Amino acid sequence: MLSSPKKISSLRKVVGFIAMVVLMSIALAFTAGAFLTFEIVSESMGPTLQIGDRLFVDARKPVRPRVGDIIAFREPTQPTLLICKRVVAEPYDEVEFLTAFLLVNGKKQRAARYHLGDMIPRDGNYSLKLGADEYYVLGDNEAFSNDSRDFGPVSTSDMVGIVRRIYWPPSRAASLSSAPE
């Protein structure tokens, strides 16, 4: 005796269709370059990002980061190398280092003293007014980061995108907010 084929419920059809549309949209976004993946290879963003973390980067253009966002961009001295750092100042902001303390628009940022990079005089007094297309970026692991203290501001033309999520390893999977830790 043959059994009659089971009917698929309307709800199940709708859910299946929606799942298929979502998966196809994600595949298209990666294919079109709207999202990229990135692997961390240094300790400069620790403890937020650790060596081996894999990230999703929102590469839709134009890239418009805010203070606190982690961005992926071309390393100014090695344009084929991609790195990521946290935005600490936006266009038209004034960045100052006074005896290794960071001030943005006259307001002291964090309590930690900063290691002084190549661009900053050894007495720690430095001031820079950012232009219309410039962002000042620092690594969260300030003492071991090559960042705007060393190579200057980053322009949007060098930005690849905004880091949105750690996806690997699964134990560290997390969304990355704009707020610095």
N, C-alpha and C. Protein backbone atom coordinates (compact mmCIF):
# COMPACT_ATOMS: atom_id res chain seq x y z
N MET A 1 0.83 -1.17 0.00
CA MET A 1 0.00 0.00 0.00
C MET A 1 0.88 1.24 0.00
N LEU A 2 0.61 2.15 -0.89
CA LEU A 2 1.36 3.39 -1.00
C LEU A 2 0.73 4.44 -0.10
N SER A 3 1.62 5.18 0.56
CA SER A 3 1.09 6.27 1.39
C SER A 3 1.03 7.54 0.54
N SER A 4 0.09 8.34 0.88
CA SER A 4 -0.05 9.59 0.13
C SER A 4 1.02 10.58 0.60
N PRO A 5 1.51 11.42 -0.30
CA PRO A 5 2.54 12.38 0.09
C PRO A 5 1.98 13.33 1.15
N LYS A 6 2.88 13.69 2.11
CA LYS A 6 2.46 14.61 3.17
C LYS A 6 2.41 16.02 2.62
N LYS A 7 1.44 16.74 3.07
CA LYS A 7 1.31 18.13 2.66
C LYS A 7 2.23 18.98 3.53
N ILE A 8 2.89 19.94 2.89
CA ILE A 8 3.74 20.86 3.63
C ILE A 8 2.88 22.05 4.02
N SER A 9 2.93 22.39 5.30
CA SER A 9 2.08 23.48 5.77
C SER A 9 2.51 24.81 5.15
N SER A 10 1.58 25.71 5.08
CA SER A 10 1.84 27.04 4.52
C SER A 10 2.90 27.78 5.33
N LEU A 11 2.85 27.65 6.64
CA LEU A 11 3.82 28.31 7.52
C LEU A 11 5.23 27.80 7.23
N ARG A 12 5.37 26.51 7.06
CA ARG A 12 6.66 25.91 6.77
C ARG A 12 7.19 26.40 5.42
N LYS A 13 6.32 26.56 4.44
CA LYS A 13 6.73 27.08 3.13
C LYS A 13 7.23 28.52 3.26
N VAL A 14 6.52 29.34 4.02
CA VAL A 14 6.90 30.74 4.19
C VAL A 14 8.24 30.85 4.92
N VAL A 15 8.41 30.08 5.99
CA VAL A 15 9.67 30.10 6.75
C VAL A 15 10.82 29.64 5.87
N GLY A 16 10.62 28.61 5.10
CA GLY A 16 11.65 28.12 4.19
C GLY A 16 12.03 29.15 3.14
N PHE A 17 11.02 29.82 2.60
CA PHE A 17 11.27 30.86 1.59
C PHE A 17 12.07 32.02 2.19
N ILE A 18 11.67 32.46 3.38
CA ILE A 18 12.37 33.57 4.05
C ILE A 18 13.82 33.17 4.34
N ALA A 19 14.04 31.96 4.84
CA ALA A 19 15.40 31.49 5.12
C ALA A 19 16.25 31.48 3.85
N MET A 20 15.67 31.03 2.76
CA MET A 20 16.39 30.98 1.49
C MET A 20 16.75 32.40 1.02
N VAL A 21 15.83 33.35 1.14
CA VAL A 21 16.07 34.73 0.74
C VAL A 21 17.19 35.34 1.59
N VAL A 22 17.16 35.11 2.90
CA VAL A 22 18.19 35.64 3.79
C VAL A 22 19.56 35.07 3.43
N LEU A 23 19.66 33.76 3.25
CA LEU A 23 20.94 33.14 2.90
C LEU A 23 21.45 33.62 1.55
N MET A 24 20.57 33.77 0.59
CA MET A 24 20.99 34.28 -0.73
C MET A 24 21.46 35.73 -0.63
N SER A 25 20.79 36.53 0.20
CA SER A 25 21.19 37.93 0.39
C SER A 25 22.58 38.02 1.01
N ILE A 26 22.84 37.19 2.00
CA ILE A 26 24.16 37.16 2.64
C ILE A 26 25.22 36.75 1.62
N ALA A 27 24.94 35.72 0.84
CA ALA A 27 25.90 35.26 -0.17
C ALA A 27 26.17 36.37 -1.19
N LEU A 28 25.13 37.07 -1.62
CA LEU A 28 25.31 38.17 -2.57
C LEU A 28 26.12 39.31 -1.97
N ALA A 29 25.89 39.62 -0.68
CA ALA A 29 26.63 40.70 -0.03
C ALA A 29 28.12 40.39 0.00
N PHE A 30 28.49 39.15 0.30
CA PHE A 30 29.91 38.78 0.30
C PHE A 30 30.46 38.78 -1.11
N THR A 31 29.70 38.28 -2.07
CA THR A 31 30.15 38.24 -3.46
C THR A 31 30.36 39.65 -4.01
N ALA A 32 29.49 40.57 -3.65
CA ALA A 32 29.58 41.94 -4.14
C ALA A 32 30.62 42.77 -3.38
N GLY A 33 31.21 42.20 -2.34
CA GLY A 33 32.23 42.93 -1.58
C GLY A 33 31.69 43.84 -0.51
N ALA A 34 30.41 43.75 -0.19
CA ALA A 34 29.83 44.58 0.85
C ALA A 34 30.30 44.16 2.23
N PHE A 35 30.67 42.89 2.38
CA PHE A 35 31.20 42.39 3.63
C PHE A 35 32.47 41.61 3.34
N LEU A 36 33.46 41.75 4.19
CA LEU A 36 34.72 41.05 4.05
C LEU A 36 35.03 40.34 5.36
N THR A 37 35.96 39.41 5.30
CA THR A 37 36.44 38.79 6.53
C THR A 37 37.89 39.20 6.73
N PHE A 38 38.34 39.16 7.96
CA PHE A 38 39.63 39.69 8.35
C PHE A 38 40.13 38.86 9.52
N GLU A 39 41.42 38.52 9.55
CA GLU A 39 41.98 37.77 10.67
C GLU A 39 43.00 38.64 11.41
N ILE A 40 42.93 38.63 12.73
CA ILE A 40 43.85 39.40 13.57
C ILE A 40 45.18 38.64 13.68
N VAL A 41 46.28 39.36 13.40
CA VAL A 41 47.60 38.73 13.44
C VAL A 41 48.56 39.41 14.41
N SER A 42 48.08 40.43 15.14
CA SER A 42 48.94 41.10 16.11
C SER A 42 48.17 41.38 17.39
N GLU A 43 48.89 41.81 18.42
CA GLU A 43 48.29 42.09 19.72
C GLU A 43 47.89 43.56 19.89
N SER A 44 47.97 44.35 18.83
CA SER A 44 47.77 45.79 18.96
C SER A 44 46.35 46.21 19.36
N MET A 45 45.38 45.34 19.18
CA MET A 45 44.00 45.67 19.56
C MET A 45 43.53 44.88 20.79
N GLY A 46 44.47 44.23 21.48
CA GLY A 46 44.13 43.47 22.67
C GLY A 46 43.74 44.38 23.82
N PRO A 47 42.90 43.96 24.70
CA PRO A 47 42.29 42.65 24.77
C PRO A 47 41.01 42.52 23.93
N THR A 48 40.57 43.62 23.30
CA THR A 48 39.33 43.59 22.52
C THR A 48 39.39 42.54 21.42
N LEU A 49 40.47 42.58 20.64
CA LEU A 49 40.69 41.61 19.56
C LEU A 49 41.98 40.86 19.84
N GLN A 50 41.94 39.55 19.68
CA GLN A 50 43.11 38.72 19.99
C GLN A 50 43.61 38.03 18.73
N ILE A 51 44.89 37.66 18.75
CA ILE A 51 45.47 36.96 17.62
C ILE A 51 44.61 35.74 17.31
N GLY A 52 44.27 35.56 16.03
CA GLY A 52 43.44 34.44 15.59
C GLY A 52 41.97 34.76 15.49
N ASP A 53 41.53 35.87 16.10
CA ASP A 53 40.12 36.26 15.94
C ASP A 53 39.85 36.53 14.47
N ARG A 54 38.70 36.10 14.02
CA ARG A 54 38.27 36.40 12.65
C ARG A 54 37.06 37.30 12.72
N LEU A 55 37.05 38.29 11.84
CA LEU A 55 36.07 39.36 11.93
C LEU A 55 35.27 39.51 10.65
N PHE A 56 34.04 40.02 10.81
CA PHE A 56 33.25 40.48 9.68
C PHE A 56 33.45 41.99 9.60
N VAL A 57 33.77 42.47 8.39
CA VAL A 57 33.96 43.90 8.16
C VAL A 57 32.88 44.38 7.20
N ASP A 58 32.15 45.41 7.60
CA ASP A 58 31.14 46.04 6.75
C ASP A 58 31.88 46.96 5.79
N ALA A 59 32.00 46.54 4.53
CA ALA A 59 32.79 47.27 3.54
C ALA A 59 31.94 48.09 2.59
N ARG A 60 30.69 48.35 2.96
CA ARG A 60 29.84 49.19 2.09
C ARG A 60 30.40 50.60 2.05
N LYS A 61 30.31 51.21 0.90
CA LYS A 61 30.83 52.57 0.72
C LYS A 61 29.68 53.55 0.71
N PRO A 62 29.85 54.77 1.19
CA PRO A 62 31.06 55.29 1.78
C PRO A 62 31.21 54.82 3.22
N VAL A 63 32.45 54.69 3.67
CA VAL A 63 32.75 54.32 5.06
C VAL A 63 32.65 55.59 5.89
N ARG A 64 31.80 55.57 6.89
CA ARG A 64 31.61 56.74 7.76
C ARG A 64 31.69 56.30 9.23
N PRO A 65 32.91 56.10 9.73
CA PRO A 65 33.02 55.65 11.12
C PRO A 65 32.73 56.75 12.13
N ARG A 66 32.42 56.33 13.34
CA ARG A 66 32.22 57.24 14.46
C ARG A 66 33.30 56.96 15.49
N VAL A 67 33.49 57.89 16.40
CA VAL A 67 34.44 57.66 17.49
C VAL A 67 34.01 56.41 18.22
N GLY A 68 34.96 55.51 18.45
CA GLY A 68 34.68 54.24 19.13
C GLY A 68 34.61 53.07 18.18
N ASP A 69 34.34 53.31 16.89
CA ASP A 69 34.30 52.22 15.91
C ASP A 69 35.70 51.68 15.66
N ILE A 70 35.78 50.40 15.38
CA ILE A 70 37.03 49.78 14.95
C ILE A 70 36.96 49.69 13.43
N ILE A 71 37.98 50.23 12.76
CA ILE A 71 37.98 50.23 11.30
C ILE A 71 39.12 49.37 10.76
N ALA A 72 38.90 48.81 9.58
CA ALA A 72 39.94 48.12 8.83
C ALA A 72 40.38 49.07 7.73
N PHE A 73 41.70 49.21 7.56
CA PHE A 73 42.22 50.13 6.54
C PHE A 73 43.59 49.67 6.06
N ARG A 74 44.03 50.28 4.97
CA ARG A 74 45.35 49.97 4.41
C ARG A 74 46.41 50.63 5.27
N GLU A 75 47.41 49.87 5.69
CA GLU A 75 48.50 50.41 6.50
C GLU A 75 49.26 51.42 5.63
N PRO A 76 49.36 52.68 6.09
CA PRO A 76 49.95 53.73 5.24
C PRO A 76 51.35 53.44 4.71
N THR A 77 52.19 52.76 5.46
CA THR A 77 53.54 52.48 4.98
C THR A 77 53.63 51.21 4.16
N GLN A 78 52.60 50.35 4.23
CA GLN A 78 52.53 49.11 3.45
C GLN A 78 51.10 48.95 2.94
N PRO A 79 50.74 49.61 1.84
CA PRO A 79 49.34 49.64 1.37
C PRO A 79 48.72 48.28 1.05
N THR A 80 49.52 47.24 0.89
CA THR A 80 48.93 45.92 0.63
C THR A 80 48.52 45.22 1.92
N LEU A 81 48.92 45.78 3.07
CA LEU A 81 48.61 45.19 4.37
C LEU A 81 47.38 45.86 4.97
N LEU A 82 46.40 45.06 5.41
CA LEU A 82 45.23 45.61 6.09
C LEU A 82 45.42 45.48 7.59
N ILE A 83 45.07 46.54 8.32
CA ILE A 83 45.14 46.53 9.78
C ILE A 83 43.84 47.11 10.32
N CYS A 84 43.61 46.96 11.61
CA CYS A 84 42.43 47.58 12.21
C CYS A 84 42.81 48.28 13.50
N LYS A 85 42.16 49.40 13.75
CA LYS A 85 42.38 50.25 14.93
C LYS A 85 41.06 50.91 15.30
N ARG A 86 41.03 51.51 16.49
CA ARG A 86 39.82 52.19 16.97
C ARG A 86 39.90 53.69 16.67
N VAL A 87 38.81 54.25 16.18
CA VAL A 87 38.73 55.69 15.90
C VAL A 87 38.60 56.43 17.23
N VAL A 88 39.50 57.41 17.46
CA VAL A 88 39.43 58.23 18.67
C VAL A 88 39.11 59.69 18.38
N ALA A 89 39.24 60.09 17.10
CA ALA A 89 38.90 61.47 16.73
C ALA A 89 38.45 61.50 15.27
N GLU A 90 37.48 62.38 15.00
CA GLU A 90 36.84 62.49 13.68
C GLU A 90 37.30 63.77 12.97
N PRO A 91 36.86 63.93 11.71
CA PRO A 91 37.22 65.15 10.99
C PRO A 91 36.94 66.42 11.79
N TYR A 92 37.89 67.36 11.68
CA TYR A 92 37.85 68.68 12.32
C TYR A 92 38.11 68.65 13.82
N ASP A 93 38.31 67.47 14.42
CA ASP A 93 38.66 67.41 15.84
C ASP A 93 40.12 67.86 16.02
N GLU A 94 40.43 68.34 17.22
CA GLU A 94 41.81 68.66 17.55
C GLU A 94 42.35 67.58 18.48
N VAL A 95 43.46 66.98 18.09
CA VAL A 95 44.11 65.92 18.86
C VAL A 95 45.35 66.52 19.49
N GLU A 96 45.50 66.31 20.80
CA GLU A 96 46.69 66.81 21.51
C GLU A 96 47.25 65.71 22.40
N PHE A 97 48.56 65.67 22.49
CA PHE A 97 49.24 64.86 23.49
C PHE A 97 50.00 65.83 24.38
N LEU A 98 49.67 65.86 25.64
CA LEU A 98 50.37 66.69 26.61
C LEU A 98 50.99 65.75 27.65
N THR A 99 52.30 65.66 27.63
CA THR A 99 53.04 64.75 28.50
C THR A 99 52.42 63.35 28.46
N ALA A 100 52.16 62.87 27.26
CA ALA A 100 51.66 61.51 26.98
C ALA A 100 50.21 61.28 27.36
N PHE A 101 49.46 62.33 27.69
CA PHE A 101 48.03 62.19 27.91
C PHE A 101 47.32 62.67 26.65
N LEU A 102 46.33 61.92 26.20
CA LEU A 102 45.59 62.25 24.98
C LEU A 102 44.41 63.15 25.32
N LEU A 103 44.31 64.24 24.56
CA LEU A 103 43.16 65.14 24.66
C LEU A 103 42.55 65.25 23.26
N VAL A 104 41.22 65.17 23.18
CA VAL A 104 40.51 65.39 21.93
C VAL A 104 39.56 66.55 22.18
N ASN A 105 39.73 67.61 21.43
CA ASN A 105 38.96 68.84 21.60
C ASN A 105 39.04 69.35 23.04
N GLY A 106 40.24 69.23 23.62
CA GLY A 106 40.50 69.73 24.97
C GLY A 106 40.06 68.81 26.10
N LYS A 107 39.43 67.68 25.79
CA LYS A 107 38.96 66.76 26.83
C LYS A 107 39.90 65.57 26.95
N LYS A 108 40.35 65.30 28.17
CA LYS A 108 41.26 64.18 28.41
C LYS A 108 40.55 62.86 28.13
N GLN A 109 41.21 61.98 27.38
CA GLN A 109 40.66 60.68 27.00
C GLN A 109 41.30 59.59 27.85
N ARG A 110 40.51 58.75 28.48
CA ARG A 110 41.01 57.66 29.31
C ARG A 110 42.03 58.16 30.32
N ALA A 111 42.32 57.35 31.30
CA ALA A 111 43.26 57.73 32.34
C ALA A 111 44.69 57.30 32.02
N ALA A 112 44.84 56.35 31.12
CA ALA A 112 46.16 55.78 30.85
C ALA A 112 47.07 56.78 30.14
N ARG A 113 48.35 56.71 30.48
CA ARG A 113 49.37 57.47 29.74
C ARG A 113 49.67 56.70 28.47
N TYR A 114 49.94 57.41 27.40
CA TYR A 114 50.19 56.78 26.11
C TYR A 114 51.67 56.70 25.80
N HIS A 115 52.04 55.59 25.20
CA HIS A 115 53.37 55.45 24.62
C HIS A 115 53.42 56.45 23.47
N LEU A 116 54.52 57.18 23.33
CA LEU A 116 54.59 58.20 22.29
C LEU A 116 55.16 57.60 21.01
N GLY A 117 54.47 57.82 19.90
CA GLY A 117 54.88 57.28 18.61
C GLY A 117 55.91 58.16 17.92
N ASP A 118 56.29 57.77 16.73
CA ASP A 118 57.33 58.46 15.96
C ASP A 118 56.98 59.90 15.62
N MET A 119 55.69 60.21 15.44
CA MET A 119 55.30 61.56 15.03
C MET A 119 55.24 62.54 16.19
N ILE A 120 55.28 62.03 17.42
CA ILE A 120 55.07 62.88 18.58
C ILE A 120 56.43 63.21 19.22
N PRO A 121 56.73 64.48 19.44
CA PRO A 121 58.00 64.84 20.07
C PRO A 121 58.16 64.13 21.42
N ARG A 122 59.38 63.82 21.77
CA ARG A 122 59.64 63.05 22.99
C ARG A 122 59.21 63.76 24.27
N ASP A 123 59.01 65.07 24.22
CA ASP A 123 58.51 65.74 25.42
C ASP A 123 57.01 65.53 25.58
N GLY A 124 56.38 64.90 24.57
CA GLY A 124 54.97 64.54 24.67
C GLY A 124 54.01 65.65 24.32
N ASN A 125 54.50 66.78 23.86
CA ASN A 125 53.61 67.87 23.50
C ASN A 125 53.42 67.89 21.99
N TYR A 126 52.17 67.71 21.58
CA TYR A 126 51.86 67.55 20.16
C TYR A 126 50.43 67.98 19.95
N SER A 127 50.17 68.67 18.86
CA SER A 127 48.81 69.10 18.57
C SER A 127 48.58 68.97 17.07
N LEU A 128 47.38 68.50 16.70
CA LEU A 128 47.04 68.31 15.30
C LEU A 128 45.55 68.57 15.11
N LYS A 129 45.21 69.40 14.16
CA LYS A 129 43.81 69.63 13.79
C LYS A 129 43.52 68.76 12.58
N LEU A 130 42.54 67.85 12.71
CA LEU A 130 42.21 66.94 11.62
C LEU A 130 41.47 67.66 10.49
N GLY A 131 41.73 67.23 9.27
CA GLY A 131 41.07 67.81 8.11
C GLY A 131 39.71 67.19 7.87
N ALA A 132 39.10 67.56 6.75
CA ALA A 132 37.74 67.15 6.41
C ALA A 132 37.59 65.65 6.20
N ASP A 133 38.67 64.97 5.87
CA ASP A 133 38.61 63.54 5.53
C ASP A 133 39.58 62.72 6.38
N GLU A 134 39.88 63.19 7.60
CA GLU A 134 40.90 62.53 8.42
C GLU A 134 40.33 62.03 9.74
N TYR A 135 40.82 60.86 10.13
CA TYR A 135 40.44 60.23 11.39
C TYR A 135 41.71 59.84 12.13
N TYR A 136 41.71 60.02 13.45
CA TYR A 136 42.85 59.63 14.27
C TYR A 136 42.50 58.29 14.90
N VAL A 137 43.39 57.30 14.74
CA VAL A 137 43.11 55.94 15.22
C VAL A 137 44.22 55.48 16.15
N LEU A 138 43.82 54.70 17.17
CA LEU A 138 44.77 54.12 18.11
C LEU A 138 44.42 52.66 18.33
N GLY A 139 45.44 51.85 18.63
CA GLY A 139 45.20 50.47 19.03
C GLY A 139 44.78 50.44 20.48
N ASP A 140 43.91 49.50 20.85
CA ASP A 140 43.48 49.38 22.25
C ASP A 140 44.65 49.01 23.17
N ASN A 141 45.63 48.30 22.65
CA ASN A 141 46.83 47.93 23.39
C ASN A 141 47.88 49.01 23.09
N GLU A 142 47.68 50.19 23.72
CA GLU A 142 48.43 51.39 23.35
C GLU A 142 49.94 51.23 23.31
N ALA A 143 50.50 50.46 24.22
CA ALA A 143 51.96 50.33 24.30
C ALA A 143 52.54 49.52 23.14
N PHE A 144 51.73 48.68 22.50
CA PHE A 144 52.23 47.79 21.45
C PHE A 144 51.46 47.97 20.14
N SER A 145 51.16 49.21 19.80
CA SER A 145 50.37 49.46 18.60
C SER A 145 51.06 50.47 17.70
N ASN A 146 51.11 50.15 16.43
CA ASN A 146 51.56 51.08 15.40
C ASN A 146 50.29 51.73 14.87
N ASP A 147 50.11 53.03 15.12
CA ASP A 147 48.85 53.68 14.81
C ASP A 147 49.08 55.14 14.42
N SER A 148 48.07 55.99 14.56
CA SER A 148 48.19 57.39 14.12
C SER A 148 49.31 58.14 14.83
N ARG A 149 49.75 57.67 15.99
CA ARG A 149 50.90 58.30 16.65
C ARG A 149 52.16 58.10 15.82
N ASP A 150 52.16 57.04 15.00
CA ASP A 150 53.33 56.71 14.18
C ASP A 150 53.19 57.13 12.72
N PHE A 151 51.98 56.96 12.14
CA PHE A 151 51.83 57.25 10.71
C PHE A 151 50.84 58.37 10.41
N GLY A 152 50.28 58.99 11.41
CA GLY A 152 49.38 60.12 11.20
C GLY A 152 47.93 59.70 10.99
N PRO A 153 47.08 60.67 10.66
CA PRO A 153 45.65 60.39 10.46
C PRO A 153 45.40 59.45 9.29
N VAL A 154 44.24 58.80 9.31
CA VAL A 154 43.82 57.90 8.23
C VAL A 154 42.69 58.58 7.47
N SER A 155 42.77 58.56 6.15
CA SER A 155 41.70 59.17 5.34
C SER A 155 40.68 58.09 4.95
N THR A 156 39.47 58.52 4.62
CA THR A 156 38.43 57.56 4.26
C THR A 156 38.80 56.78 3.00
N SER A 157 39.63 57.36 2.13
CA SER A 157 40.02 56.63 0.91
C SER A 157 40.87 55.40 1.22
N ASP A 158 41.52 55.38 2.39
CA ASP A 158 42.32 54.22 2.80
C ASP A 158 41.51 53.21 3.61
N MET A 159 40.30 53.57 3.98
CA MET A 159 39.48 52.68 4.81
C MET A 159 38.81 51.60 3.96
N VAL A 160 38.85 50.38 4.49
CA VAL A 160 38.19 49.25 3.84
C VAL A 160 36.78 49.11 4.39
N GLY A 161 36.61 49.32 5.69
CA GLY A 161 35.29 49.20 6.29
C GLY A 161 35.32 49.26 7.80
N ILE A 162 34.15 49.04 8.39
CA ILE A 162 33.99 49.07 9.85
C ILE A 162 33.84 47.64 10.34
N VAL A 163 34.64 47.28 11.35
CA VAL A 163 34.58 45.93 11.92
C VAL A 163 33.29 45.82 12.73
N ARG A 164 32.47 44.81 12.42
CA ARG A 164 31.17 44.66 13.07
C ARG A 164 31.08 43.50 14.04
N ARG A 165 31.85 42.42 13.79
CA ARG A 165 31.63 41.21 14.59
C ARG A 165 32.84 40.30 14.57
N ILE A 166 33.11 39.68 15.73
CA ILE A 166 34.05 38.56 15.81
C ILE A 166 33.21 37.32 15.54
N TYR A 167 33.58 36.51 14.54
CA TYR A 167 32.80 35.30 14.26
C TYR A 167 33.57 34.03 14.57
N TRP A 168 34.88 34.12 14.76
CA TRP A 168 35.67 32.92 15.08
C TRP A 168 36.79 33.30 16.01
N PRO A 169 37.10 32.52 17.01
CA PRO A 169 36.52 31.25 17.37
C PRO A 169 35.14 31.43 18.01
N PRO A 170 34.31 30.39 17.94
CA PRO A 170 32.94 30.50 18.47
C PRO A 170 32.88 30.97 19.92
N SER A 171 33.88 30.61 20.72
CA SER A 171 33.86 31.02 22.13
C SER A 171 34.04 32.53 22.30
N ARG A 172 34.54 33.22 21.28
CA ARG A 172 34.72 34.68 21.34
C ARG A 172 33.76 35.43 20.43
N ALA A 173 32.85 34.72 19.77
CA ALA A 173 31.91 35.38 18.86
C ALA A 173 31.16 36.48 19.59
N ALA A 174 31.19 37.68 19.01
CA ALA A 174 30.52 38.82 19.65
C ALA A 174 30.37 39.94 18.65
N SER A 175 29.36 40.75 18.89
CA SER A 175 29.17 41.97 18.13
C SER A 175 30.09 43.03 18.72
N LEU A 176 30.63 43.90 17.89
CA LEU A 176 31.52 44.96 18.37
C LEU A 176 30.78 46.28 18.33
N SER A 177 30.58 46.87 19.49
CA SER A 177 29.87 48.14 19.57
C SER A 177 30.83 49.30 19.33
N SER A 178 30.30 50.49 19.22
CA SER A 178 31.11 51.69 19.01
C SER A 178 31.80 52.16 20.27
N ALA A 179 31.33 51.70 21.41
CA ALA A 179 31.89 52.21 22.66
C ALA A 179 33.21 51.54 22.99
N PRO A 180 34.27 52.32 23.27
CA PRO A 180 35.52 51.70 23.67
C PRO A 180 35.38 51.05 25.02
N GLU A 181 36.15 49.98 25.25
CA GLU A 181 36.07 49.26 26.52
C GLU A 181 36.77 50.00 27.61
